[in-house]
Amino acid sequence: MLDRAPTAKPPFTIGQLRKAVPSHCVERSTLRSASYLGLDLFLIGVFFYFTRYIVLLESEEAAGDVVGISWALWMVYWTLQGCLSTGVWVIAHECGHHAFSDHARRFCRISPPFLSAGTVFSWKHSDRRHHSNTGSADRDEVFVPKKMEDVTLGAVMQYLQHPPSRILMIAFILLLGWPLYLVCNLSGRKYPRFASHFHPNSPIYSKREQFQVIVSDFGLLLVGFGLYGLGSVYGFLWLFKVYGVPLLIVNSFLVLITFLQHTHPSLPH
């Protein structure tokens, strides 16, 4: 049996763990990294291109010639595009840790906001501190376990302890947990005042990091204006199908992957 949230140190050091990893596993190849990114971007473009045929099929369905096929194709598109876009986001995350290449340091500094709609410039700082303090009940940035004295079951939560409500709560966390963490530090480290990844004066950041938060916010505004322009031209329902649903799938993958990585009962805190 595994202890629930053990507090004892593991029987090995970080240095020993690093030595146990073969050297070829930590070699950074610019060509290999670029091939992963290029393939993902290429396939994203290909699947986006084929949405035009789904839209044409929808017009035929509206005329009564075909029934229901377009929705099946949309679901296939959402699944594939969500998976591929998650891969691009993961590459952006690795760029934030300068893991893309030994020689493309400038690319690693510049590319994350372009690969993730502007958010990584601000998020990479909290993520770096998260990696430095993973498992700390006081200093970790996200997935911080509650202490016994903080565990309370509010009046509303008492009526949500049954399977349907829990399924809805899981769906809510998977779909909106990531943006809510960025906006209002949901499930994040406790700070003495309001913390947000979009606020330059947030307690998450030091003074030297504030400018990059402003750059990230500016990048998000540009992306927002661009999406609004696309929606105005092609319709916001089209935009939601082409971009919104894959984005929600990416959010779900990010929350699910990181949740499973950081909350296993055997992980010490």
C-alpha atoms as a PDB file:
ATOM      1  CA  MET A   1       0.000   0.000   0.000  1.00  0.00           C
ATOM      2  CA  LEU A   2       1.214   3.502  -0.842  1.00  0.00           C
ATOM      3  CA  ASP A   3       1.122   6.230   1.763  1.00  0.00           C
ATOM      4  CA  ARG A   4      -1.280   9.039   1.010  1.00  0.00           C
ATOM      5  CA  ALA A   5       0.806  12.147   0.218  1.00  0.00           C
ATOM      6  CA  PRO A   6       3.995  10.944   1.972  1.00  0.00           C
ATOM      7  CA  THR A   7       6.298  13.590   3.407  1.00  0.00           C
ATOM      8  CA  ALA A   8       9.548  11.580   3.656  1.00  0.00           C
ATOM      9  CA  LYS A   9      12.288  12.330   1.143  1.00  0.00           C
ATOM     10  CA  PRO A  10      12.774   9.750  -1.637  1.00  0.00           C
ATOM     11  CA  PRO A  11      15.711   7.321  -1.259  1.00  0.00           C
ATOM     12  CA  PHE A  12      17.728   9.072  -4.004  1.00  0.00           C
ATOM     13  CA  THR A  13      18.954  12.549  -4.801  1.00  0.00           C
ATOM     14  CA  ILE A  14      18.268  14.651  -7.886  1.00  0.00           C
ATOM     15  CA  GLY A  15      21.924  14.210  -8.867  1.00  0.00           C
ATOM     16  CA  GLN A  16      21.600  10.428  -8.747  1.00  0.00           C
ATOM     17  CA  LEU A  17      18.431  10.612 -10.803  1.00  0.00           C
ATOM     18  CA  ARG A  18      20.154  12.720 -13.468  1.00  0.00           C
ATOM     19  CA  LYS A  19      23.091  10.306 -13.667  1.00  0.00           C
ATOM     20  CA  ALA A  20      20.695   7.403 -14.195  1.00  0.00           C
ATOM     21  CA  VAL A  21      19.320   9.011 -17.378  1.00  0.00           C
ATOM     22  CA  PRO A  22      21.378   8.017 -20.482  1.00  0.00           C
ATOM     23  CA  SER A  23      23.148  10.981 -22.047  1.00  0.00           C
ATOM     24  CA  HIS A  24      21.454  10.559 -25.433  1.00  0.00           C
ATOM     25  CA  CYS A  25      18.094  11.189 -23.764  1.00  0.00           C
ATOM     26  CA  VAL A  26      19.048  14.779 -22.925  1.00  0.00           C
ATOM     27  CA  GLU A  27      20.729  15.757 -26.183  1.00  0.00           C
ATOM     28  CA  ARG A  28      18.983  18.671 -27.913  1.00  0.00           C
ATOM     29  CA  SER A  29      18.839  18.435 -31.686  1.00  0.00           C
ATOM     30  CA  THR A  30      17.721  21.543 -33.565  1.00  0.00           C
ATOM     31  CA  LEU A  31      16.848  19.491 -36.646  1.00  0.00           C
ATOM     32  CA  ARG A  32      14.780  16.952 -34.751  1.00  0.00           C
ATOM     33  CA  SER A  33      12.954  19.602 -32.728  1.00  0.00           C
ATOM     34  CA  ALA A  34      12.241  21.647 -35.860  1.00  0.00           C
ATOM     35  CA  SER A  35      10.940  18.548 -37.641  1.00  0.00           C
ATOM     36  CA  TYR A  36       8.422  17.903 -34.841  1.00  0.00           C
ATOM     37  CA  LEU A  37       7.248  21.516 -34.943  1.00  0.00           C
ATOM     38  CA  GLY A  38       7.156  21.637 -38.741  1.00  0.00           C
ATOM     39  CA  LEU A  39       5.158  18.410 -39.016  1.00  0.00           C
ATOM     40  CA  ASP A  40       2.613  19.576 -36.437  1.00  0.00           C
ATOM     41  CA  LEU A  41       2.140  22.967 -38.110  1.00  0.00           C
ATOM     42  CA  PHE A  42       1.864  21.347 -41.542  1.00  0.00           C
ATOM     43  CA  LEU A  43      -0.825  18.902 -40.407  1.00  0.00           C
ATOM     44  CA  ILE A  44      -2.705  21.659 -38.576  1.00  0.00           C
ATOM     45  CA  GLY A  45      -2.769  23.600 -41.843  1.00  0.00           C
ATOM     46  CA  VAL A  46      -3.912  20.557 -43.807  1.00  0.00           C
ATOM     47  CA  PHE A  47      -6.804  19.807 -41.429  1.00  0.00           C
ATOM     48  CA  PHE A  48      -7.780  23.476 -41.343  1.00  0.00           C
ATOM     49  CA  TYR A  49      -7.873  23.500 -45.146  1.00  0.00           C
ATOM     50  CA  PHE A  50     -10.240  20.538 -45.245  1.00  0.00           C
ATOM     51  CA  THR A  51     -12.762  22.330 -43.008  1.00  0.00           C
ATOM     52  CA  ARG A  52     -13.873  24.186 -46.139  1.00  0.00           C
ATOM     53  CA  TYR A  53     -15.255  20.895 -47.455  1.00  0.00           C
ATOM     54  CA  ILE A  54     -17.093  20.278 -44.187  1.00  0.00           C
ATOM     55  CA  VAL A  55     -18.672  23.725 -44.525  1.00  0.00           C
ATOM     56  CA  LEU A  56     -19.716  22.893 -48.099  1.00  0.00           C
ATOM     57  CA  LEU A  57     -21.190  19.623 -46.871  1.00  0.00           C
ATOM     58  CA  GLU A  58     -23.153  21.540 -44.240  1.00  0.00           C
ATOM     59  CA  SER A  59     -24.714  23.668 -46.958  1.00  0.00           C
ATOM     60  CA  GLU A  60     -25.806  20.483 -48.763  1.00  0.00           C
ATOM     61  CA  GLU A  61     -27.276  19.138 -45.537  1.00  0.00           C
ATOM     62  CA  ALA A  62     -29.196  22.384 -45.122  1.00  0.00           C
ATOM     63  CA  ALA A  63     -30.660  21.743 -48.563  1.00  0.00           C
ATOM     64  CA  GLY A  64     -31.710  18.251 -47.474  1.00  0.00           C
ATOM     65  CA  ASP A  65     -29.317  16.325 -49.725  1.00  0.00           C
ATOM     66  CA  VAL A  66     -27.197  14.852 -46.885  1.00  0.00           C
ATOM     67  CA  VAL A  67     -27.934  14.299 -43.189  1.00  0.00           C
ATOM     68  CA  GLY A  68     -25.582  14.217 -40.195  1.00  0.00           C
ATOM     69  CA  ILE A  69     -22.268  13.516 -41.918  1.00  0.00           C
ATOM     70  CA  SER A  70     -20.835  16.985 -41.316  1.00  0.00           C
ATOM     71  CA  TRP A  71     -21.099  16.641 -37.528  1.00  0.00           C
ATOM     72  CA  ALA A  72     -19.201  13.357 -37.633  1.00  0.00           C
ATOM     73  CA  LEU A  73     -16.487  15.043 -39.714  1.00  0.00           C
ATOM     74  CA  TRP A  74     -16.361  17.985 -37.312  1.00  0.00           C
ATOM     75  CA  MET A  75     -15.785  15.598 -34.395  1.00  0.00           C
ATOM     76  CA  VAL A  76     -12.942  13.922 -36.271  1.00  0.00           C
ATOM     77  CA  TYR A  77     -11.468  17.357 -37.044  1.00  0.00           C
ATOM     78  CA  TRP A  78     -11.792  18.518 -33.418  1.00  0.00           C
ATOM     79  CA  THR A  79     -10.059  15.409 -32.107  1.00  0.00           C
ATOM     80  CA  LEU A  80      -7.149  15.553 -34.557  1.00  0.00           C
ATOM     81  CA  GLN A  81      -6.705  19.317 -34.389  1.00  0.00           C
ATOM     82  CA  GLY A  82      -6.882  19.296 -30.590  1.00  0.00           C
ATOM     83  CA  CYS A  83      -4.179  16.626 -30.356  1.00  0.00           C
ATOM     84  CA  LEU A  84      -1.888  18.384 -32.847  1.00  0.00           C
ATOM     85  CA  SER A  85      -2.356  21.764 -31.199  1.00  0.00           C
ATOM     86  CA  THR A  86      -1.493  20.239 -27.833  1.00  0.00           C
ATOM     87  CA  GLY A  87       1.759  19.064 -29.392  1.00  0.00           C
ATOM     88  CA  VAL A  88       2.573  22.607 -30.528  1.00  0.00           C
ATOM     89  CA  TRP A  89       1.810  23.908 -27.050  1.00  0.00           C
ATOM     90  CA  VAL A  90       4.137  21.319 -25.513  1.00  0.00           C
ATOM     91  CA  ILE A  91       6.914  22.442 -27.885  1.00  0.00           C
ATOM     92  CA  ALA A  92       6.293  26.031 -26.778  1.00  0.00           C
ATOM     93  CA  HIS A  93       6.618  24.856 -23.170  1.00  0.00           C
ATOM     94  CA  GLU A  94       9.933  23.186 -23.944  1.00  0.00           C
ATOM     95  CA  CYS A  95      11.135  26.380 -25.647  1.00  0.00           C
ATOM     96  CA  GLY A  96      10.388  28.147 -22.371  1.00  0.00           C
ATOM     97  CA  HIS A  97      12.918  25.814 -20.745  1.00  0.00           C
ATOM     98  CA  HIS A  98      15.428  26.299 -23.621  1.00  0.00           C
ATOM     99  CA  ALA A  99      15.044  22.617 -24.487  1.00  0.00           C
ATOM    100  CA  PHE A 100      14.347  23.121 -28.195  1.00  0.00           C
ATOM    101  CA  SER A 101      17.998  23.389 -29.210  1.00  0.00           C
ATOM    102  CA  ASP A 102      21.514  23.963 -27.935  1.00  0.00           C
ATOM    103  CA  HIS A 103      22.103  26.582 -30.625  1.00  0.00           C
ATOM    104  CA  ALA A 104      18.759  28.348 -31.034  1.00  0.00           C
ATOM    105  CA  ARG A 105      18.608  30.163 -27.701  1.00  0.00           C
ATOM    106  CA  ARG A 106      17.095  33.243 -29.302  1.00  0.00           C
ATOM    107  CA  PHE A 107      14.399  31.103 -30.908  1.00  0.00           C
ATOM    108  CA  CYS A 108      13.648  29.585 -27.515  1.00  0.00           C
ATOM    109  CA  ARG A 109      13.176  33.071 -26.062  1.00  0.00           C
ATOM    110  CA  ILE A 110      11.086  34.504 -28.895  1.00  0.00           C
ATOM    111  CA  SER A 111       9.001  31.572 -30.167  1.00  0.00           C
ATOM    112  CA  PRO A 112       6.862  30.611 -27.127  1.00  0.00           C
ATOM    113  CA  PRO A 113       4.401  33.513 -27.394  1.00  0.00           C
ATOM    114  CA  PHE A 114       3.935  32.887 -31.140  1.00  0.00           C
ATOM    115  CA  LEU A 115       3.316  29.164 -30.589  1.00  0.00           C
ATOM    116  CA  SER A 116       0.859  29.677 -27.727  1.00  0.00           C
ATOM    117  CA  ALA A 117      -1.021  32.894 -28.514  1.00  0.00           C
ATOM    118  CA  GLY A 118       1.142  35.078 -26.296  1.00  0.00           C
ATOM    119  CA  THR A 119       0.704  33.376 -22.911  1.00  0.00           C
ATOM    120  CA  VAL A 120       4.047  31.646 -22.410  1.00  0.00           C
ATOM    121  CA  PHE A 121       6.085  34.824 -21.878  1.00  0.00           C
ATOM    122  CA  SER A 122       4.195  35.406 -18.634  1.00  0.00           C
ATOM    123  CA  TRP A 123       3.484  31.781 -17.736  1.00  0.00           C
ATOM    124  CA  LYS A 124       7.042  30.510 -18.240  1.00  0.00           C
ATOM    125  CA  HIS A 125       8.194  32.413 -15.144  1.00  0.00           C
ATOM    126  CA  SER A 126       5.644  30.794 -12.839  1.00  0.00           C
ATOM    127  CA  ASP A 127       6.278  27.457 -14.571  1.00  0.00           C
ATOM    128  CA  ARG A 128       9.999  27.744 -13.918  1.00  0.00           C
ATOM    129  CA  ARG A 129       9.324  28.354 -10.223  1.00  0.00           C
ATOM    130  CA  HIS A 130       6.876  25.458 -10.270  1.00  0.00           C
ATOM    131  CA  HIS A 131       9.608  23.129 -11.514  1.00  0.00           C
ATOM    132  CA  SER A 132      11.965  24.453  -8.848  1.00  0.00           C
ATOM    133  CA  ASN A 133       9.421  23.886  -6.066  1.00  0.00           C
ATOM    134  CA  THR A 134       7.406  20.890  -7.269  1.00  0.00           C
ATOM    135  CA  GLY A 135       5.873  19.065  -4.325  1.00  0.00           C
ATOM    136  CA  SER A 136       6.268  21.973  -1.894  1.00  0.00           C
ATOM    137  CA  ALA A 137       3.062  22.577   0.034  1.00  0.00           C
ATOM    138  CA  ASP A 138       4.085  26.216   0.538  1.00  0.00           C
ATOM    139  CA  ARG A 139       6.092  27.330  -2.518  1.00  0.00           C
ATOM    140  CA  ASP A 140       4.771  25.300  -5.462  1.00  0.00           C
ATOM    141  CA  GLU A 141       2.854  27.380  -8.002  1.00  0.00           C
ATOM    142  CA  VAL A 142       0.096  24.963  -9.004  1.00  0.00           C
ATOM    143  CA  PHE A 143      -1.570  21.739  -7.843  1.00  0.00           C
ATOM    144  CA  VAL A 144      -0.851  22.750  -4.263  1.00  0.00           C
ATOM    145  CA  PRO A 145      -2.523  20.265  -1.890  1.00  0.00           C
ATOM    146  CA  LYS A 146      -4.791  21.701   0.773  1.00  0.00           C
ATOM    147  CA  LYS A 147      -3.759  21.388   4.397  1.00  0.00           C
ATOM    148  CA  MET A 148      -6.116  19.646   6.779  1.00  0.00           C
ATOM    149  CA  GLU A 149      -7.191  22.883   8.442  1.00  0.00           C
ATOM    150  CA  ASP A 150      -8.108  24.347   5.039  1.00  0.00           C
ATOM    151  CA  VAL A 151     -10.280  21.435   3.908  1.00  0.00           C
ATOM    152  CA  THR A 152     -13.895  22.530   4.188  1.00  0.00           C
ATOM    153  CA  LEU A 153     -17.048  21.396   2.460  1.00  0.00           C
ATOM    154  CA  GLY A 154     -19.186  24.455   1.749  1.00  0.00           C
ATOM    155  CA  ALA A 155     -22.966  24.518   1.717  1.00  0.00           C
ATOM    156  CA  VAL A 156     -23.107  24.227  -2.063  1.00  0.00           C
ATOM    157  CA  MET A 157     -20.541  21.424  -2.288  1.00  0.00           C
ATOM    158  CA  GLN A 158     -22.529  19.296   0.133  1.00  0.00           C
ATOM    159  CA  TYR A 159     -25.228  18.942  -2.534  1.00  0.00           C
ATOM    160  CA  LEU A 160     -22.757  18.088  -5.298  1.00  0.00           C
ATOM    161  CA  GLN A 161     -21.366  14.844  -3.882  1.00  0.00           C
ATOM    162  CA  HIS A 162     -22.949  12.459  -6.397  1.00  0.00           C
ATOM    163  CA  PRO A 163     -21.780  11.077  -9.782  1.00  0.00           C
ATOM    164  CA  PRO A 164     -23.630  13.460 -12.163  1.00  0.00           C
ATOM    165  CA  SER A 165     -22.369  16.552 -10.352  1.00  0.00           C
ATOM    166  CA  ARG A 166     -18.837  15.192 -10.149  1.00  0.00           C
ATOM    167  CA  ILE A 167     -18.862  14.484 -13.890  1.00  0.00           C
ATOM    168  CA  LEU A 168     -19.939  18.078 -14.520  1.00  0.00           C
ATOM    169  CA  MET A 169     -17.228  19.366 -12.183  1.00  0.00           C
ATOM    170  CA  ILE A 170     -14.588  17.268 -13.957  1.00  0.00           C
ATOM    171  CA  ALA A 171     -15.772  18.585 -17.338  1.00  0.00           C
ATOM    172  CA  PHE A 172     -15.670  22.158 -16.014  1.00  0.00           C
ATOM    173  CA  ILE A 173     -12.127  21.746 -14.694  1.00  0.00           C
ATOM    174  CA  LEU A 174     -10.889  20.096 -17.888  1.00  0.00           C
ATOM    175  CA  LEU A 175     -12.395  22.727 -20.186  1.00  0.00           C
ATOM    176  CA  LEU A 176     -11.896  25.897 -18.143  1.00  0.00           C
ATOM    177  CA  GLY A 177      -9.333  25.002 -15.474  1.00  0.00           C
ATOM    178  CA  TRP A 178      -6.360  26.233 -17.524  1.00  0.00           C
ATOM    179  CA  PRO A 179      -7.741  29.692 -18.452  1.00  0.00           C
ATOM    180  CA  LEU A 180      -9.070  30.176 -14.902  1.00  0.00           C
ATOM    181  CA  TYR A 181      -5.624  29.353 -13.517  1.00  0.00           C
ATOM    182  CA  LEU A 182      -4.125  32.008 -15.775  1.00  0.00           C
ATOM    183  CA  VAL A 183      -6.810  34.597 -15.018  1.00  0.00           C
ATOM    184  CA  CYS A 184      -7.308  34.192 -11.271  1.00  0.00           C
ATOM    185  CA  ASN A 185      -4.738  31.610 -10.126  1.00  0.00           C
ATOM    186  CA  LEU A 186      -7.333  28.859  -9.614  1.00  0.00           C
ATOM    187  CA  SER A 187      -5.724  25.883  -7.777  1.00  0.00           C
ATOM    188  CA  GLY A 188      -2.483  27.852  -7.593  1.00  0.00           C
ATOM    189  CA  ARG A 189      -0.236  28.922  -4.765  1.00  0.00           C
ATOM    190  CA  LYS A 190      -1.799  31.150  -2.124  1.00  0.00           C
ATOM    191  CA  TYR A 191      -0.684  34.767  -2.300  1.00  0.00           C
ATOM    192  CA  PRO A 192      -1.513  37.609   0.100  1.00  0.00           C
ATOM    193  CA  ARG A 193      -3.292  39.480  -2.716  1.00  0.00           C
ATOM    194  CA  PHE A 194      -4.936  38.837  -6.068  1.00  0.00           C
ATOM    195  CA  ALA A 195      -2.678  36.916  -8.472  1.00  0.00           C
ATOM    196  CA  SER A 196      -3.099  36.718 -12.230  1.00  0.00           C
ATOM    197  CA  HIS A 197      -0.810  35.828 -15.116  1.00  0.00           C
ATOM    198  CA  PHE A 198      -2.133  38.862 -16.989  1.00  0.00           C
ATOM    199  CA  HIS A 199      -1.383  41.461 -14.306  1.00  0.00           C
ATOM    200  CA  PRO A 200       2.160  42.897 -14.467  1.00  0.00           C
ATOM    201  CA  ASN A 201       2.058  43.783 -10.753  1.00  0.00           C
ATOM    202  CA  SER A 202       0.837  40.336  -9.737  1.00  0.00           C
ATOM    203  CA  PRO A 203       2.745  38.812  -6.787  1.00  0.00           C
ATOM    204  CA  ILE A 204       3.669  35.955  -9.126  1.00  0.00           C
ATOM    205  CA  TYR A 205       6.305  38.154 -10.806  1.00  0.00           C
ATOM    206  CA  SER A 206       9.410  40.076  -9.883  1.00  0.00           C
ATOM    207  CA  LYS A 207       9.966  43.612 -11.175  1.00  0.00           C
ATOM    208  CA  ARG A 208      12.298  42.460 -13.944  1.00  0.00           C
ATOM    209  CA  GLU A 209       9.592  40.087 -15.262  1.00  0.00           C
ATOM    210  CA  GLN A 210       6.802  42.658 -15.482  1.00  0.00           C
ATOM    211  CA  PHE A 211       7.691  43.909 -18.957  1.00  0.00           C
ATOM    212  CA  GLN A 212       7.366  40.404 -20.434  1.00  0.00           C
ATOM    213  CA  VAL A 213       3.901  40.116 -18.871  1.00  0.00           C
ATOM    214  CA  ILE A 214       2.926  43.318 -20.701  1.00  0.00           C
ATOM    215  CA  VAL A 215       4.321  41.855 -23.947  1.00  0.00           C
ATOM    216  CA  SER A 216       2.250  38.701 -23.392  1.00  0.00           C
ATOM    217  CA  ASP A 217      -0.894  40.746 -22.767  1.00  0.00           C
ATOM    218  CA  PHE A 218      -0.251  42.735 -25.949  1.00  0.00           C
ATOM    219  CA  GLY A 219       0.177  39.478 -27.889  1.00  0.00           C
ATOM    220  CA  LEU A 220      -3.122  38.166 -26.551  1.00  0.00           C
ATOM    221  CA  LEU A 221      -4.872  41.382 -27.555  1.00  0.00           C
ATOM    222  CA  LEU A 222      -3.514  41.017 -31.088  1.00  0.00           C
ATOM    223  CA  VAL A 223      -4.718  37.410 -31.246  1.00  0.00           C
ATOM    224  CA  GLY A 224      -8.102  38.491 -29.876  1.00  0.00           C
ATOM    225  CA  PHE A 225      -8.497  41.215 -32.491  1.00  0.00           C
ATOM    226  CA  GLY A 226      -7.459  38.769 -35.207  1.00  0.00           C
ATOM    227  CA  LEU A 227     -10.011  36.194 -34.083  1.00  0.00           C
ATOM    228  CA  TYR A 228     -12.705  38.850 -33.862  1.00  0.00           C
ATOM    229  CA  GLY A 229     -11.908  39.883 -37.422  1.00  0.00           C
ATOM    230  CA  LEU A 230     -12.160  36.288 -38.644  1.00  0.00           C
ATOM    231  CA  GLY A 231     -15.433  35.819 -36.806  1.00  0.00           C
ATOM    232  CA  SER A 232     -16.840  39.025 -38.294  1.00  0.00           C
ATOM    233  CA  VAL A 233     -16.039  37.831 -41.809  1.00  0.00           C
ATOM    234  CA  TYR A 234     -16.763  34.099 -41.649  1.00  0.00           C
ATOM    235  CA  GLY A 235     -19.155  33.922 -38.709  1.00  0.00           C
ATOM    236  CA  PHE A 236     -18.516  33.258 -35.032  1.00  0.00           C
ATOM    237  CA  LEU A 237     -20.088  29.803 -35.182  1.00  0.00           C
ATOM    238  CA  TRP A 238     -17.534  28.893 -37.872  1.00  0.00           C
ATOM    239  CA  LEU A 239     -14.774  30.350 -35.685  1.00  0.00           C
ATOM    240  CA  PHE A 240     -15.938  28.316 -32.699  1.00  0.00           C
ATOM    241  CA  LYS A 241     -15.961  25.118 -34.744  1.00  0.00           C
ATOM    242  CA  VAL A 242     -12.602  25.728 -36.411  1.00  0.00           C
ATOM    243  CA  TYR A 243     -10.704  27.274 -33.481  1.00  0.00           C
ATOM    244  CA  GLY A 244     -12.780  27.286 -30.286  1.00  0.00           C
ATOM    245  CA  VAL A 245     -13.461  23.570 -29.900  1.00  0.00           C
ATOM    246  CA  PRO A 246      -9.824  22.507 -30.605  1.00  0.00           C
ATOM    247  CA  LEU A 247      -8.741  25.140 -28.056  1.00  0.00           C
ATOM    248  CA  LEU A 248     -11.024  23.604 -25.430  1.00  0.00           C
ATOM    249  CA  ILE A 249      -9.534  20.179 -26.216  1.00  0.00           C
ATOM    250  CA  VAL A 250      -6.033  21.598 -25.757  1.00  0.00           C
ATOM    251  CA  ASN A 251      -7.129  23.028 -22.391  1.00  0.00           C
ATOM    252  CA  SER A 252      -8.449  19.598 -21.397  1.00  0.00           C
ATOM    253  CA  PHE A 253      -5.236  17.836 -22.353  1.00  0.00           C
ATOM    254  CA  LEU A 254      -3.090  20.339 -20.460  1.00  0.00           C
ATOM    255  CA  VAL A 255      -5.117  20.019 -17.282  1.00  0.00           C
ATOM    256  CA  LEU A 256      -5.407  16.226 -17.516  1.00  0.00           C
ATOM    257  CA  ILE A 257      -1.726  15.620 -18.285  1.00  0.00           C
ATOM    258  CA  THR A 258      -0.392  17.914 -15.573  1.00  0.00           C
ATOM    259  CA  PHE A 259      -2.984  16.762 -13.051  1.00  0.00           C
ATOM    260  CA  LEU A 260      -1.956  13.132 -13.488  1.00  0.00           C
ATOM    261  CA  GLN A 261       1.724  14.111 -13.264  1.00  0.00           C
ATOM    262  CA  HIS A 262       1.454  16.037 -10.007  1.00  0.00           C
ATOM    263  CA  THR A 263      -1.301  14.495  -7.883  1.00  0.00           C
ATOM    264  CA  HIS A 264      -0.530  10.785  -7.637  1.00  0.00           C
ATOM    265  CA  PRO A 265      -1.007   9.568  -4.039  1.00  0.00           C
ATOM    266  CA  SER A 266       2.619   8.362  -3.842  1.00  0.00           C
ATOM    267  CA  LEU A 267       4.119  11.790  -4.650  1.00  0.00           C
ATOM    268  CA  PRO A 268       5.668  13.362  -1.548  1.00  0.00           C
ATOM    269  CA  HIS A 269       4.790  16.916  -0.519  1.00  0.00           C
END
